[in-house]
Amino acid sequence: MRSIAVSYGAVTIINAIATGKGSALGIDLETKATVELNDSGRITAKIRKAPGEDTKLMKLCAR
C-alpha cells in the first residue's frame, strides 16, 4: 500500500504550557511524505532534499 501525507508548518510565539498564555501562527512551509507499507516490518526513512538529515523522528512517528 502507498500513501502520501502533507504537514503544514507553524510557529509557537509563547510557550503556553509554561505561562498559561500563548499563540501560534501558520507559516508558508509544507512537508510532503510518501509511505510504502509491506510485510517486512522494517522502517526506513530518507529526506530527498536533505539526505544527510536525521530521520529518527520520522521513524518514531511511523511506529
PDB file of N, CA and C in Angstrom:
ATOM      1  N   MET A   1       0.846  -1.165   0.000  1.00  0.00           N
ATOM      2  CA  MET A   1       0.000   0.000   0.000  1.00  0.00           C
ATOM      3  C   MET A   1       0.896   1.233   0.000  1.00  0.00           C
ATOM      4  N   ARG A   2       0.492   2.258  -0.734  1.00  0.00           N
ATOM      5  CA  ARG A   2       1.256   3.503  -0.821  1.00  0.00           C
ATOM      6  C   ARG A   2       0.333   4.673  -0.495  1.00  0.00           C
ATOM      7  N   SER A   3       0.858   5.644   0.263  1.00  0.00           N
ATOM      8  CA  SER A   3       0.064   6.805   0.646  1.00  0.00           C
ATOM      9  C   SER A   3       0.953   8.042   0.698  1.00  0.00           C
ATOM     10  N   ILE A   4       0.345   9.213   0.564  1.00  0.00           N
ATOM     11  CA  ILE A   4       1.060  10.489   0.624  1.00  0.00           C
ATOM     12  C   ILE A   4       0.389  11.366   1.678  1.00  0.00           C
ATOM     13  N   ALA A   5       1.199  12.069   2.488  1.00  0.00           N
ATOM     14  CA  ALA A   5       0.677  12.967   3.519  1.00  0.00           C
ATOM     15  C   ALA A   5       1.376  14.315   3.414  1.00  0.00           C
ATOM     16  N   VAL A   6       0.694  15.365   3.850  1.00  0.00           N
ATOM     17  CA  VAL A   6       1.256  16.715   3.853  1.00  0.00           C
ATOM     18  C   VAL A   6       1.100  17.293   5.252  1.00  0.00           C
ATOM     19  N   SER A   7       2.159  17.920   5.756  1.00  0.00           N
ATOM     20  CA  SER A   7       2.123  18.586   7.055  1.00  0.00           C
ATOM     21  C   SER A   7       2.521  20.044   6.844  1.00  0.00           C
ATOM     22  N   TYR A   8       1.716  20.958   7.354  1.00  0.00           N
ATOM     23  CA  TYR A   8       1.988  22.384   7.193  1.00  0.00           C
ATOM     24  C   TYR A   8       2.711  22.920   8.421  1.00  0.00           C
ATOM     25  N   GLY A   9       3.519  23.938   8.239  1.00  0.00           N
ATOM     26  CA  GLY A   9       4.340  24.480   9.314  1.00  0.00           C
ATOM     27  C   GLY A   9       3.594  25.455  10.203  1.00  0.00           C
ATOM     28  N   ALA A  10       4.057  25.571  11.440  1.00  0.00           N
ATOM     29  CA  ALA A  10       3.526  26.540  12.397  1.00  0.00           C
ATOM     30  C   ALA A  10       4.658  26.964  13.327  1.00  0.00           C
ATOM     31  N   VAL A  11       4.495  28.123  13.923  1.00  0.00           N
ATOM     32  CA  VAL A  11       5.494  28.661  14.842  1.00  0.00           C
ATOM     33  C   VAL A  11       4.790  29.018  16.141  1.00  0.00           C
ATOM     34  N   THR A  12       5.360  28.614  17.266  1.00  0.00           N
ATOM     35  CA  THR A  12       4.819  28.992  18.569  1.00  0.00           C
ATOM     36  C   THR A  12       5.462  30.301  19.003  1.00  0.00           C
ATOM     37  N   ILE A  13       4.641  31.269  19.377  1.00  0.00           N
ATOM     38  CA  ILE A  13       5.146  32.578  19.790  1.00  0.00           C
ATOM     39  C   ILE A  13       5.543  32.558  21.269  1.00  0.00           C
ATOM     40  N   ILE A  14       4.673  32.066  22.120  1.00  0.00           N
ATOM     41  CA  ILE A  14       4.944  31.961  23.557  1.00  0.00           C
ATOM     42  C   ILE A  14       4.574  30.548  23.980  1.00  0.00           C
ATOM     43  N   ASN A  15       5.374  29.950  24.826  1.00  0.00           N
ATOM     44  CA  ASN A  15       5.100  28.599  25.284  1.00  0.00           C
ATOM     45  C   ASN A  15       3.942  28.614  26.273  1.00  0.00           C
ATOM     46  N   ALA A  16       2.771  28.192  25.829  1.00  0.00           N
ATOM     47  CA  ALA A  16       1.570  28.244  26.662  1.00  0.00           C
ATOM     48  C   ALA A  16       1.619  27.249  27.815  1.00  0.00           C
ATOM     49  N   ILE A  17       2.400  26.204  27.714  1.00  0.00           N
ATOM     50  CA  ILE A  17       2.498  25.239  28.809  1.00  0.00           C
ATOM     51  C   ILE A  17       3.130  25.904  30.035  1.00  0.00           C
ATOM     52  N   ALA A  18       4.152  26.699  29.822  1.00  0.00           N
ATOM     53  CA  ALA A  18       4.854  27.332  30.943  1.00  0.00           C
ATOM     54  C   ALA A  18       4.121  28.559  31.479  1.00  0.00           C
ATOM     55  N   THR A  19       3.477  29.328  30.608  1.00  0.00           N
ATOM     56  CA  THR A  19       2.905  30.603  31.032  1.00  0.00           C
ATOM     57  C   THR A  19       1.387  30.602  31.147  1.00  0.00           C
ATOM     58  N   GLY A  20       0.726  29.626  30.563  1.00  0.00           N
ATOM     59  CA  GLY A  20      -0.732  29.613  30.561  1.00  0.00           C
ATOM     60  C   GLY A  20      -1.334  30.466  29.462  1.00  0.00           C
ATOM     61  N   LYS A  21      -0.496  31.211  28.753  1.00  0.00           N
ATOM     62  CA  LYS A  21      -0.948  32.043  27.633  1.00  0.00           C
ATOM     63  C   LYS A  21       0.014  31.830  26.476  1.00  0.00           C
ATOM     64  N   GLY A  22      -0.487  31.928  25.286  1.00  0.00           N
ATOM     65  CA  GLY A  22       0.392  31.764  24.138  1.00  0.00           C
ATOM     66  C   GLY A  22      -0.388  31.827  22.848  1.00  0.00           C
ATOM     67  N   SER A  23       0.321  31.735  21.763  1.00  0.00           N
ATOM     68  CA  SER A  23      -0.323  31.732  20.459  1.00  0.00           C
ATOM     69  C   SER A  23       0.596  31.047  19.458  1.00  0.00           C
ATOM     70  N   ALA A  24       0.037  30.743  18.326  1.00  0.00           N
ATOM     71  CA  ALA A  24       0.805  30.128  17.251  1.00  0.00           C
ATOM     72  C   ALA A  24       0.305  30.701  15.937  1.00  0.00           C
ATOM     73  N   LEU A  25       1.136  30.652  14.936  1.00  0.00           N
ATOM     74  CA  LEU A  25       0.715  31.111  13.623  1.00  0.00           C
ATOM     75  C   LEU A  25       1.237  30.161  12.566  1.00  0.00           C
ATOM     76  N   GLY A  26       0.496  30.066  11.492  1.00  0.00           N
ATOM     77  CA  GLY A  26       0.909  29.222  10.382  1.00  0.00           C
ATOM     78  C   GLY A  26       1.944  29.935   9.531  1.00  0.00           C
ATOM     79  N   ILE A  27       2.845  29.176   8.962  1.00  0.00           N
ATOM     80  CA  ILE A  27       3.832  29.743   8.054  1.00  0.00           C
ATOM     81  C   ILE A  27       3.733  29.011   6.720  1.00  0.00           C
ATOM     82  N   ASP A  28       4.220  29.623   5.694  1.00  0.00           N
ATOM     83  CA  ASP A  28       4.075  29.087   4.344  1.00  0.00           C
ATOM     84  C   ASP A  28       5.151  28.039   4.047  1.00  0.00           C
ATOM     85  N   LEU A  29       5.140  26.966   4.810  1.00  0.00           N
ATOM     86  CA  LEU A  29       6.035  25.836   4.591  1.00  0.00           C
ATOM     87  C   LEU A  29       5.208  24.564   4.647  1.00  0.00           C
ATOM     88  N   GLU A  30       5.594  23.592   3.885  1.00  0.00           N
ATOM     89  CA  GLU A  30       4.926  22.302   3.968  1.00  0.00           C
ATOM     90  C   GLU A  30       5.932  21.189   3.760  1.00  0.00           C
ATOM     91  N   THR A  31       5.632  20.055   4.337  1.00  0.00           N
ATOM     92  CA  THR A  31       6.453  18.869   4.179  1.00  0.00           C
ATOM     93  C   THR A  31       5.567  17.772   3.612  1.00  0.00           C
ATOM     94  N   LYS A  32       6.019  17.146   2.552  1.00  0.00           N
ATOM     95  CA  LYS A  32       5.273  16.045   1.952  1.00  0.00           C
ATOM     96  C   LYS A  32       6.009  14.747   2.237  1.00  0.00           C
ATOM     97  N   ALA A  33       5.257  13.724   2.564  1.00  0.00           N
ATOM     98  CA  ALA A  33       5.846  12.418   2.847  1.00  0.00           C
ATOM     99  C   ALA A  33       5.103  11.349   2.058  1.00  0.00           C
ATOM    100  N   THR A  34       5.853  10.395   1.567  1.00  0.00           N
ATOM    101  CA  THR A  34       5.282   9.237   0.892  1.00  0.00           C
ATOM    102  C   THR A  34       5.670   8.006   1.693  1.00  0.00           C
ATOM    103  N   VAL A  35       4.720   7.123   1.901  1.00  0.00           N
ATOM    104  CA  VAL A  35       4.999   5.907   2.660  1.00  0.00           C
ATOM    105  C   VAL A  35       4.554   4.698   1.844  1.00  0.00           C
ATOM    106  N   GLU A  36       5.363   3.665   1.911  1.00  0.00           N
ATOM    107  CA  GLU A  36       5.004   2.392   1.297  1.00  0.00           C
ATOM    108  C   GLU A  36       5.048   1.329   2.385  1.00  0.00           C
ATOM    109  N   LEU A  37       3.952   0.619   2.551  1.00  0.00           N
ATOM    110  CA  LEU A  37       3.873  -0.433   3.556  1.00  0.00           C
ATOM    111  C   LEU A  37       4.032  -1.791   2.886  1.00  0.00           C
ATOM    112  N   ASN A  38       4.803  -2.655   3.547  1.00  0.00           N
ATOM    113  CA  ASN A  38       4.958  -4.023   3.061  1.00  0.00           C
ATOM    114  C   ASN A  38       5.006  -4.954   4.263  1.00  0.00           C
ATOM    115  N   ASP A  39       5.295  -6.195   4.053  1.00  0.00           N
ATOM    116  CA  ASP A  39       5.283  -7.180   5.137  1.00  0.00           C
ATOM    117  C   ASP A  39       6.632  -7.366   5.819  1.00  0.00           C
ATOM    118  N   SER A  40       7.627  -6.535   5.521  1.00  0.00           N
ATOM    119  CA  SER A  40       8.967  -6.737   6.079  1.00  0.00           C
ATOM    120  C   SER A  40       9.056  -6.356   7.557  1.00  0.00           C
ATOM    121  N   GLY A  41       8.237  -5.406   8.018  1.00  0.00           N
ATOM    122  CA  GLY A  41       8.300  -4.963   9.405  1.00  0.00           C
ATOM    123  C   GLY A  41       9.397  -3.944   9.664  1.00  0.00           C
ATOM    124  N   ARG A  42      10.212  -3.622   8.667  1.00  0.00           N
ATOM    125  CA  ARG A  42      11.288  -2.639   8.826  1.00  0.00           C
ATOM    126  C   ARG A  42      10.761  -1.238   8.544  1.00  0.00           C
ATOM    127  N   ILE A  43      11.341  -0.257   9.233  1.00  0.00           N
ATOM    128  CA  ILE A  43      11.017   1.145   8.981  1.00  0.00           C
ATOM    129  C   ILE A  43      12.295   1.828   8.522  1.00  0.00           C
ATOM    130  N   THR A  44      12.286   2.320   7.302  1.00  0.00           N
ATOM    131  CA  THR A  44      13.412   3.094   6.785  1.00  0.00           C
ATOM    132  C   THR A  44      12.872   4.445   6.339  1.00  0.00           C
ATOM    133  N   ALA A  45      13.706   5.465   6.418  1.00  0.00           N
ATOM    134  CA  ALA A  45      13.265   6.811   6.056  1.00  0.00           C
ATOM    135  C   ALA A  45      14.418   7.568   5.423  1.00  0.00           C
ATOM    136  N   LYS A  46      14.080   8.474   4.510  1.00  0.00           N
ATOM    137  CA  LYS A  46      15.075   9.382   3.948  1.00  0.00           C
ATOM    138  C   LYS A  46      14.371  10.654   3.509  1.00  0.00           C
ATOM    139  N   ILE A  47      15.117  11.730   3.516  1.00  0.00           N
ATOM    140  CA  ILE A  47      14.601  13.029   3.107  1.00  0.00           C
ATOM    141  C   ILE A  47      15.252  13.357   1.770  1.00  0.00           C
ATOM    142  N   ARG A  48      14.455  13.414   0.727  1.00  0.00           N
ATOM    143  CA  ARG A  48      15.001  13.593  -0.622  1.00  0.00           C
ATOM    144  C   ARG A  48      15.842  14.850  -0.774  1.00  0.00           C
ATOM    145  N   LYS A  49      15.330  15.974  -0.298  1.00  0.00           N
ATOM    146  CA  LYS A  49      16.032  17.246  -0.493  1.00  0.00           C
ATOM    147  C   LYS A  49      17.126  17.486   0.538  1.00  0.00           C
ATOM    148  N   ALA A  50      17.208  16.638   1.558  1.00  0.00           N
ATOM    149  CA  ALA A  50      18.240  16.772   2.594  1.00  0.00           C
ATOM    150  C   ALA A  50      18.628  15.376   3.080  1.00  0.00           C
ATOM    151  N   PRO A  51      19.300  14.594   2.249  1.00  0.00           N
ATOM    152  CA  PRO A  51      19.575  13.196   2.593  1.00  0.00           C
ATOM    153  C   PRO A  51      20.461  12.999   3.822  1.00  0.00           C
ATOM    154  N   GLY A  52      21.194  14.007   4.250  1.00  0.00           N
ATOM    155  CA  GLY A  52      22.051  13.875   5.418  1.00  0.00           C
ATOM    156  C   GLY A  52      21.356  14.167   6.739  1.00  0.00           C
ATOM    157  N   GLU A  53      20.100  14.606   6.700  1.00  0.00           N
ATOM    158  CA  GLU A  53      19.376  14.969   7.920  1.00  0.00           C
ATOM    159  C   GLU A  53      18.975  13.736   8.729  1.00  0.00           C
ATOM    160  N   ASP A  54      18.823  13.934  10.022  1.00  0.00           N
ATOM    161  CA  ASP A  54      18.431  12.869  10.939  1.00  0.00           C
ATOM    162  C   ASP A  54      16.972  12.476  10.694  1.00  0.00           C
ATOM    163  N   THR A  55      16.683  11.183  10.668  1.00  0.00           N
ATOM    164  CA  THR A  55      15.324  10.698  10.406  1.00  0.00           C
ATOM    165  C   THR A  55      14.720   9.969  11.608  1.00  0.00           C
ATOM    166  N   LYS A  56      15.289  10.148  12.794  1.00  0.00           N
ATOM    167  CA  LYS A  56      14.778   9.446  13.981  1.00  0.00           C
ATOM    168  C   LYS A  56      13.315   9.780  14.263  1.00  0.00           C
ATOM    169  N   LEU A  57      12.940  11.058  14.162  1.00  0.00           N
ATOM    170  CA  LEU A  57      11.560  11.454  14.438  1.00  0.00           C
ATOM    171  C   LEU A  57      10.605  10.841  13.421  1.00  0.00           C
ATOM    172  N   MET A  58      11.009  10.780  12.162  1.00  0.00           N
ATOM    173  CA  MET A  58      10.173  10.160  11.137  1.00  0.00           C
ATOM    174  C   MET A  58       9.904   8.697  11.470  1.00  0.00           C
ATOM    175  N   LYS A  59      10.941   7.990  11.867  1.00  0.00           N
ATOM    176  CA  LYS A  59      10.794   6.566  12.187  1.00  0.00           C
ATOM    177  C   LYS A  59       9.938   6.367  13.432  1.00  0.00           C
ATOM    178  N   LEU A  60      10.107   7.233  14.422  1.00  0.00           N
ATOM    179  CA  LEU A  60       9.317   7.141  15.643  1.00  0.00           C
ATOM    180  C   LEU A  60       7.836   7.355  15.355  1.00  0.00           C
ATOM    181  N   CYS A  61       7.517   8.335  14.518  1.00  0.00           N
ATOM    182  CA  CYS A  61       6.119   8.613  14.176  1.00  0.00           C
ATOM    183  C   CYS A  61       5.499   7.493  13.349  1.00  0.00           C
ATOM    184  N   ALA A  62       6.305   6.778  12.601  1.00  0.00           N
ATOM    185  CA  ALA A  62       5.789   5.703  11.747  1.00  0.00           C
ATOM    186  C   ALA A  62       5.464   4.437  12.529  1.00  0.00           C
ATOM    187  N   ARG A  63       5.955   4.317  13.740  1.00  0.00           N
ATOM    188  CA  ARG A  63       5.705   3.095  14.532  1.00  0.00           C
ATOM    189  C   ARG A  63       4.284   2.951  14.925  1.00  0.00           C
TER     190      ARG A  63
END
